[in-house]
């Protein structure tokens, strides 16, 4: 929980990781990709305040104790959602797997939601793995990486027939939250594989699933906003938006937030620190203090108040994942006023 000026914020970090990208986990013959991937991630960390930067050795492989301290003890987070990314073409045991995340999470009951993942190119074996992970780890969401390399394929679309087969199976298994990486590319993945158009197809055809577009499709912010405003089950995941832009590109951050608030609204936006690219502490503190610059350029955007920030920082994700929120940390809504009927002019004239 974070508290500022007497206001308390229930924090759900809905997009974070526990990875091993150290040389001991690099696939023989693919070292250049494993090394290049994590170095690209590390370069993104430079967009945060200088005092939060890590040396590359620590960034490649941080400890369980590091994560618990950074996220929960220092970082104000009440519940964190693990989002796995496998990349087994480059990392022997996987970069950030369901199993690795859950082993840590099971040591800290109530602190983590153990999401899993799937790749429709894995066929029947992948469906069996999905069923096992849901049963074993209680996963209520999946993280999808449509640009991931897989046996010579350099990406897939959510609108592909095989992807629909997996989405239907996930829904049948009780999965309801589909987190999709649609944003800045990471070397050596292809930028075009992160286009948001396929989300439009899938969201229409699977109305009972929630599609949380992580990184809001950046740099395609207009494409995302116009798609998300027509699809009631598409949400804006603010990982990268806050961590990558709030400090390093404050005016662009204000533009992106303005477009999201105008088109998508504060009820469909979720906070994610993208740990361990960035730590949550400075993001949460900065976002609570944030407001639009005093500039006519931003005058036509909706304002974001304390209640909206509480929704974004935790309450929206808590609703998606049925996470119990203490009563005193909920947004208090005033009951609708009972309006007296307008007087009838004809009756008034007879009086």
Protein backbone atom coordinates (compact mmCIF):
# COMPACT_ATOMS: atom_id res chain seq x y z
CA UNK A 1 0.00 0.00 0.00
CA UNK A 2 1.12 3.54 -0.75
CA UNK A 3 -0.05 6.54 1.26
CA UNK A 4 0.32 10.20 0.31
CA UNK A 5 -1.42 13.24 1.80
CA UNK A 6 -3.83 11.04 3.75
CA UNK A 7 -4.88 9.04 0.66
CA UNK A 8 -4.23 5.29 0.57
CA UNK A 9 -3.60 3.40 -2.66
CA UNK A 10 -4.02 -0.37 -3.04
CA UNK A 11 -1.28 -1.40 -5.49
CA UNK A 12 -1.51 -4.25 -7.97
CA UNK A 13 1.58 -4.59 -10.14
CA UNK A 14 -0.08 -6.38 -13.04
CA UNK A 15 2.99 -6.86 -15.20
CA UNK A 16 6.27 -8.09 -13.69
CA UNK A 17 8.84 -10.86 -14.10
CA UNK A 18 11.41 -13.09 -12.43
CA UNK A 19 13.97 -13.95 -15.10
CA UNK A 20 17.31 -15.63 -15.52
CA UNK A 21 19.19 -14.18 -18.47
CA UNK A 22 22.67 -15.04 -17.20
CA UNK A 23 25.25 -16.73 -19.44
CA UNK A 24 24.62 -20.02 -17.62
CA UNK A 25 21.16 -20.06 -19.25
CA UNK A 26 22.16 -19.20 -22.85
CA UNK A 27 21.44 -21.79 -25.55
CA UNK A 28 24.61 -23.02 -27.24
CA UNK A 29 24.78 -21.46 -30.68
CA UNK A 30 22.25 -18.74 -29.86
CA UNK A 31 24.38 -16.76 -27.43
CA UNK A 32 24.27 -13.63 -29.59
CA UNK A 33 20.48 -13.51 -29.33
CA UNK A 34 20.33 -14.25 -25.60
CA UNK A 35 22.99 -11.62 -24.93
CA UNK A 36 21.46 -9.07 -27.29
CA UNK A 37 17.97 -9.51 -25.85
CA UNK A 38 18.96 -8.80 -22.26
CA UNK A 39 21.25 -5.95 -23.27
CA UNK A 40 18.32 -4.34 -25.10
CA UNK A 41 16.19 -4.74 -21.95
CA UNK A 42 19.00 -3.20 -19.93
CA UNK A 43 19.15 -0.22 -22.27
CA UNK A 44 15.48 0.49 -21.53
CA UNK A 45 16.35 0.73 -17.83
CA UNK A 46 18.35 3.88 -18.65
CA UNK A 47 15.01 5.69 -19.12
CA UNK A 48 14.48 5.59 -15.33
CA UNK A 49 16.10 7.90 -12.76
CA UNK A 50 19.86 7.34 -12.61
CA UNK A 51 19.85 6.18 -9.00
CA UNK A 52 17.68 3.18 -9.95
CA UNK A 53 20.03 1.78 -12.62
CA UNK A 54 21.64 -1.66 -12.19
CA UNK A 55 24.90 -3.02 -13.60
CA UNK A 56 24.30 -5.54 -16.39
CA UNK A 57 25.49 -8.50 -14.29
CA UNK A 58 22.84 -7.83 -11.65
CA UNK A 59 20.22 -7.13 -14.29
CA UNK A 60 20.84 -10.48 -15.98
CA UNK A 61 20.14 -12.49 -12.86
CA UNK A 62 18.72 -10.93 -9.70
CA UNK A 63 17.76 -12.91 -6.62
CA UNK A 64 14.47 -13.80 -4.95
CA UNK A 65 15.42 -11.51 -2.06
CA UNK A 66 16.03 -8.66 -4.52
CA UNK A 67 12.56 -9.07 -5.99
CA UNK A 68 10.75 -9.24 -2.65
CA UNK A 69 12.57 -6.16 -1.37
CA UNK A 70 12.18 -4.10 -4.56
CA UNK A 71 8.54 -4.95 -5.21
CA UNK A 72 6.92 -5.41 -1.78
CA UNK A 73 9.15 -3.95 0.93
CA UNK A 74 10.32 -0.82 -0.89
CA UNK A 75 7.88 -0.76 -3.78
CA UNK A 76 4.48 -0.54 -2.00
CA UNK A 77 2.97 -3.42 -4.02
CA UNK A 78 0.15 -5.41 -2.39
CA UNK A 79 -0.28 -8.08 -5.09
CA UNK A 80 1.90 -8.75 -8.14
CA UNK A 81 0.97 -10.60 -11.34
CA UNK A 82 3.69 -12.72 -12.92
CA UNK A 83 3.77 -12.54 -16.73
CA UNK A 84 6.01 -15.27 -18.19
CA UNK A 85 8.04 -15.01 -21.40
CA UNK A 86 9.75 -18.26 -22.40
CA UNK A 87 12.19 -17.53 -25.30
CA UNK A 88 13.48 -21.12 -25.19
CA UNK A 89 15.15 -20.67 -28.57
CA UNK A 90 17.73 -18.56 -26.72
CA UNK A 91 17.47 -19.51 -23.03
CA UNK A 92 17.96 -23.15 -22.03
CA UNK A 93 15.51 -23.17 -19.11
CA UNK A 94 13.45 -20.33 -20.54
CA UNK A 95 13.84 -16.64 -19.81
CA UNK A 96 10.93 -16.17 -17.39
CA UNK A 97 8.76 -19.24 -17.03
CA UNK A 98 5.53 -20.17 -15.28
CA UNK A 99 7.41 -22.72 -13.16
CA UNK A 100 10.20 -20.36 -12.08
CA UNK A 101 7.72 -17.64 -11.16
CA UNK A 102 5.43 -20.00 -9.27
CA UNK A 103 8.25 -21.51 -7.22
CA UNK A 104 8.95 -18.07 -5.83
CA UNK A 105 5.30 -17.14 -5.53
CA UNK A 106 4.40 -20.24 -3.55
CA UNK A 107 6.86 -19.17 -0.87
CA UNK A 108 4.82 -15.98 -0.36
CA UNK A 109 1.12 -16.94 -0.28
CA UNK A 110 -1.28 -14.22 -1.31
CA UNK A 111 1.39 -11.99 -2.82
CA UNK A 112 1.39 -13.26 -6.40
CA UNK A 113 -0.95 -14.23 -9.21
CA UNK A 114 0.71 -16.97 -11.26
CA UNK A 115 -0.17 -16.34 -14.89
CA UNK A 116 1.00 -18.74 -17.57
CA UNK A 117 1.41 -18.45 -21.35
CA UNK A 118 0.82 -20.30 -24.58
CA UNK A 119 2.12 -20.34 -28.14
CA UNK A 120 -0.37 -21.63 -30.76
CA UNK A 121 2.52 -22.91 -32.87
CA UNK A 122 3.11 -25.62 -30.25
CA UNK A 123 0.05 -27.60 -31.39
CA UNK A 124 -1.50 -30.32 -29.23
CA UNK A 125 1.51 -30.47 -26.90
CA UNK A 126 1.08 -26.79 -26.12
CA UNK A 127 -2.59 -27.28 -25.30
CA UNK A 128 -1.68 -30.08 -22.90
CA UNK A 129 0.90 -27.82 -21.25
CA UNK A 130 -1.68 -25.04 -20.91
CA UNK A 131 -4.15 -27.41 -19.23
CA UNK A 132 -1.46 -28.61 -16.82
CA UNK A 133 -0.36 -25.09 -15.88
CA UNK A 134 -3.90 -23.93 -15.19
CA UNK A 135 -4.54 -26.97 -12.99
CA UNK A 136 -1.16 -26.88 -11.23
CA UNK A 137 -0.72 -23.13 -10.69
CA UNK A 138 -4.29 -21.84 -10.73
CA UNK A 139 -3.50 -19.45 -13.58
CA UNK A 140 -6.29 -17.00 -14.37
CA UNK A 141 -4.46 -15.18 -17.13
CA UNK A 142 -1.90 -15.69 -19.86
CA UNK A 143 0.87 -13.54 -21.32
CA UNK A 144 1.25 -13.80 -25.10
CA UNK A 145 4.30 -12.79 -27.10
CA UNK A 146 3.16 -12.72 -30.71
CA UNK A 147 6.66 -11.86 -31.97
CA UNK A 148 8.45 -14.75 -30.23
CA UNK A 149 10.59 -16.96 -32.45
CA UNK A 150 9.56 -20.61 -32.67
CA UNK A 151 11.16 -23.22 -34.95
CA UNK A 152 11.86 -20.83 -37.81
CA UNK A 153 8.65 -18.83 -37.37
CA UNK A 154 9.17 -15.20 -36.36
CA UNK A 155 5.70 -14.49 -35.07
CA UNK A 156 1.98 -15.23 -35.21
CA UNK A 157 -1.29 -13.33 -35.05
CA UNK A 158 -4.08 -13.64 -32.50
CA UNK A 159 -6.45 -13.90 -35.47
CA UNK A 160 -4.77 -17.09 -36.75
CA UNK A 161 -6.98 -20.22 -36.64
CA UNK A 162 -4.55 -21.96 -34.26
CA UNK A 163 -4.55 -18.94 -31.94
CA UNK A 164 -8.36 -19.05 -31.87
CA UNK A 165 -8.15 -22.73 -30.93
CA UNK A 166 -5.97 -21.84 -27.95
CA UNK A 167 -8.10 -18.86 -26.93
CA UNK A 168 -11.19 -21.05 -26.94
CA UNK A 169 -9.42 -23.67 -24.81
CA UNK A 170 -8.13 -21.01 -22.41
CA UNK A 171 -11.65 -19.67 -21.96
CA UNK A 172 -12.95 -23.17 -21.35
CA UNK A 173 -10.29 -23.64 -18.66
CA UNK A 174 -11.40 -20.52 -16.81
CA UNK A 175 -8.76 -18.12 -18.11
CA UNK A 176 -10.28 -14.68 -18.52
CA UNK A 177 -7.35 -12.25 -18.87
CA UNK A 178 -5.23 -12.26 -22.02
CA UNK A 179 -2.15 -10.03 -21.66
CA UNK A 180 -0.59 -9.36 -25.05
CA UNK A 181 2.79 -7.70 -25.62
CA UNK A 182 2.05 -5.04 -28.20
CA UNK A 183 4.60 -2.30 -27.87
CA UNK A 184 8.26 -1.47 -28.27
CA UNK A 185 10.29 -4.22 -29.86
CA UNK A 186 13.27 -5.91 -28.26
CA UNK A 187 16.16 -7.02 -30.45
CA UNK A 188 16.08 -9.29 -32.44
CA UNK A 189 12.27 -9.54 -32.63
CA UNK A 190 10.38 -7.95 -35.52
CA UNK A 191 8.51 -4.73 -34.82
CA UNK A 192 5.66 -5.54 -37.21
CA UNK A 193 4.84 -8.70 -35.23
CA UNK A 194 3.66 -6.41 -32.42
CA UNK A 195 0.99 -4.66 -34.50
CA UNK A 196 -2.34 -4.33 -32.63
CA UNK A 197 -4.72 -5.16 -35.51
CA UNK A 198 -5.07 -8.83 -34.54
CA UNK A 199 -6.29 -7.83 -31.06
CA UNK A 200 -9.25 -6.13 -32.75
CA UNK A 201 -10.28 -9.42 -34.40
CA UNK A 202 -9.86 -11.56 -31.29
CA UNK A 203 -11.57 -9.13 -28.90
CA UNK A 204 -14.65 -9.03 -31.10
CA UNK A 205 -14.83 -12.81 -31.46
CA UNK A 206 -14.11 -13.58 -27.77
CA UNK A 207 -16.23 -11.01 -25.90
CA UNK A 208 -15.99 -12.86 -22.57
CA UNK A 209 -12.18 -12.57 -22.50
CA UNK A 210 -10.36 -9.43 -21.38
CA UNK A 211 -7.49 -8.38 -23.65
CA UNK A 212 -4.95 -6.30 -21.74
CA UNK A 213 -2.66 -4.76 -24.34
CA UNK A 214 0.63 -4.34 -22.54
CA UNK A 215 2.59 -1.25 -23.51
CA UNK A 216 -0.59 0.07 -25.28
CA UNK A 217 0.79 -0.73 -28.71
CA UNK A 218 3.53 1.90 -28.55
CA UNK A 219 4.50 3.51 -30.85
CA UNK A 220 1.05 2.88 -32.41
CA UNK A 221 -0.84 4.82 -29.73
CA UNK A 222 -3.53 6.17 -32.08
CA UNK A 223 -4.18 2.73 -33.58
CA UNK A 224 -4.55 1.26 -30.11
CA UNK A 225 -6.83 4.00 -28.79
CA UNK A 226 -9.24 3.89 -31.72
CA UNK A 227 -9.40 0.10 -31.48
CA UNK A 228 -9.76 0.00 -27.69
CA UNK A 229 -12.55 2.58 -27.58
CA UNK A 230 -14.79 0.35 -29.74
CA UNK A 231 -13.91 -2.93 -27.98
CA UNK A 232 -15.31 -2.96 -24.42
CA UNK A 233 -13.05 -5.88 -23.43
CA UNK A 234 -9.74 -4.24 -24.43
CA UNK A 235 -7.67 -2.66 -21.65
CA UNK A 236 -4.57 -0.47 -21.64
CA UNK A 237 -1.64 -2.00 -19.76
CA UNK A 238 0.60 0.89 -18.70
CA UNK A 239 3.83 -1.09 -18.37
CA UNK A 240 6.50 0.83 -20.36
CA UNK A 241 4.16 3.86 -20.55
CA UNK A 242 4.98 4.90 -16.97
CA UNK A 243 8.41 3.32 -16.60
CA UNK A 244 9.71 4.26 -20.03
CA UNK A 245 8.15 7.70 -20.53
CA UNK A 246 7.18 9.43 -17.28
CA UNK A 247 10.76 10.32 -16.32
CA UNK A 248 12.61 10.35 -19.64
CA UNK A 249 9.91 11.79 -21.94
CA UNK A 250 7.49 13.74 -19.70
CA UNK A 251 5.73 15.65 -22.48
CA UNK A 252 5.26 12.55 -24.60
CA UNK A 253 4.06 10.74 -21.49
CA UNK A 254 1.44 13.46 -21.00
CA UNK A 255 0.31 13.07 -24.62
CA UNK A 256 0.04 9.28 -24.33
CA UNK A 257 -1.85 9.51 -21.02
CA UNK A 258 -4.12 12.17 -22.50
CA UNK A 259 -5.02 10.03 -25.50
CA UNK A 260 -5.65 7.02 -23.24
CA UNK A 261 -7.83 9.02 -20.85
CA UNK A 262 -9.80 10.57 -23.70
CA UNK A 263 -10.45 7.39 -25.70
CA UNK A 264 -10.11 4.48 -23.28
CA UNK A 265 -10.85 5.98 -19.87
CA UNK A 266 -9.46 5.51 -16.37
CA UNK A 267 -11.61 2.40 -15.74
CA UNK A 268 -9.75 0.39 -18.41
CA UNK A 269 -6.13 1.17 -17.53
CA UNK A 270 -3.82 -0.98 -15.38
CA UNK A 271 -0.47 -0.30 -13.75
CA UNK A 272 2.49 -2.58 -14.40
CA UNK A 273 6.05 -1.79 -13.33
CA UNK A 274 7.64 -4.17 -15.86
CA UNK A 275 10.00 -5.25 -13.08
CA UNK A 276 12.91 -5.85 -13.34
CA UNK A 277 13.37 -3.41 -16.19
CA UNK A 278 12.18 -0.80 -13.71
CA UNK A 279 11.37 -0.93 -10.01
CA UNK A 280 7.85 0.06 -8.89
CA UNK A 281 8.74 2.53 -6.09
CA UNK A 282 9.63 5.56 -8.18
CA UNK A 283 6.87 4.85 -10.71
CA UNK A 284 4.14 4.76 -8.07
CA UNK A 285 5.42 7.85 -6.26
CA UNK A 286 5.79 9.76 -9.51
CA UNK A 287 2.40 8.74 -10.89
CA UNK A 288 0.56 9.77 -7.72
CA UNK A 289 2.21 13.20 -7.98
CA UNK A 290 1.76 13.51 -11.76
CA UNK A 291 -0.42 16.02 -13.55
CA UNK A 292 -0.54 17.44 -17.05
CA UNK A 293 1.86 20.30 -17.84
CA UNK A 294 0.30 23.73 -17.61
CA UNK A 295 0.21 24.16 -21.37
CA UNK A 296 -2.64 24.80 -23.85
CA UNK A 297 -1.44 21.77 -25.84
CA UNK A 298 -2.91 19.49 -23.16
CA UNK A 299 -6.04 21.52 -22.36
CA UNK A 300 -8.49 19.24 -24.20
CA UNK A 301 -7.53 16.05 -22.35
CA UNK A 302 -9.58 14.76 -19.38
CA UNK A 303 -7.98 15.38 -15.99
CA UNK A 304 -6.89 12.48 -13.80
CA UNK A 305 -7.78 12.81 -10.13
CA UNK A 306 -7.01 10.81 -7.01
CA UNK A 307 -9.82 8.32 -7.57
CA UNK A 308 -8.68 7.67 -11.12
CA UNK A 309 -5.13 7.07 -9.97
CA UNK A 310 -6.37 4.62 -7.35
CA UNK A 311 -8.21 2.70 -10.06
CA UNK A 312 -5.19 2.60 -12.36
CA UNK A 313 -2.66 1.70 -9.66
CA UNK A 314 -4.58 -1.28 -8.38
CA UNK A 315 -8.35 -1.33 -8.26
CA UNK A 316 -8.90 -2.02 -11.97
CA UNK A 317 -6.53 -5.00 -11.96
CA UNK A 318 -8.01 -6.22 -8.68
CA UNK A 319 -11.40 -6.29 -10.37
CA UNK A 320 -10.04 -8.24 -13.36
CA UNK A 321 -8.44 -10.84 -11.07
CA UNK A 322 -11.04 -10.94 -8.30
CA UNK A 323 -8.45 -9.75 -5.78
CA UNK A 324 -9.97 -8.79 -2.46
CA UNK A 325 -9.41 -5.12 -1.60
CA UNK A 326 -9.79 -3.86 1.99
CA UNK A 327 -12.86 -1.65 2.32
CA UNK A 328 -10.85 1.38 3.36
CA UNK A 329 -8.78 1.20 0.14
CA UNK A 330 -11.72 1.07 -2.25
CA UNK A 331 -12.88 4.15 -4.13
CA UNK A 332 -15.93 5.42 -2.32
CA UNK A 333 -18.77 6.20 -4.69
CA UNK A 334 -21.54 8.50 -3.60
CA UNK A 335 -25.07 7.11 -3.98
CA UNK A 336 -27.03 8.66 -6.81
CA UNK A 337 -28.99 11.63 -5.59
CA UNK A 338 -32.78 11.31 -5.66
CA UNK A 339 -33.92 14.18 -7.79
CA UNK A 340 -37.25 15.85 -7.17
CA UNK A 341 -39.48 15.83 -10.25
CA UNK A 342 -39.57 18.97 -12.32
CA UNK A 343 -42.73 20.97 -11.60
CA UNK A 344 -45.42 20.75 -14.26
CA UNK A 345 -45.85 24.27 -15.72
CA UNK A 346 -49.56 23.62 -16.31
CA UNK A 347 -50.10 22.76 -12.64
CA UNK A 348 -48.08 25.75 -11.56
CA UNK A 349 -50.27 28.09 -13.62
CA UNK A 350 -53.43 26.80 -11.87
CA UNK A 351 -52.05 27.41 -8.41
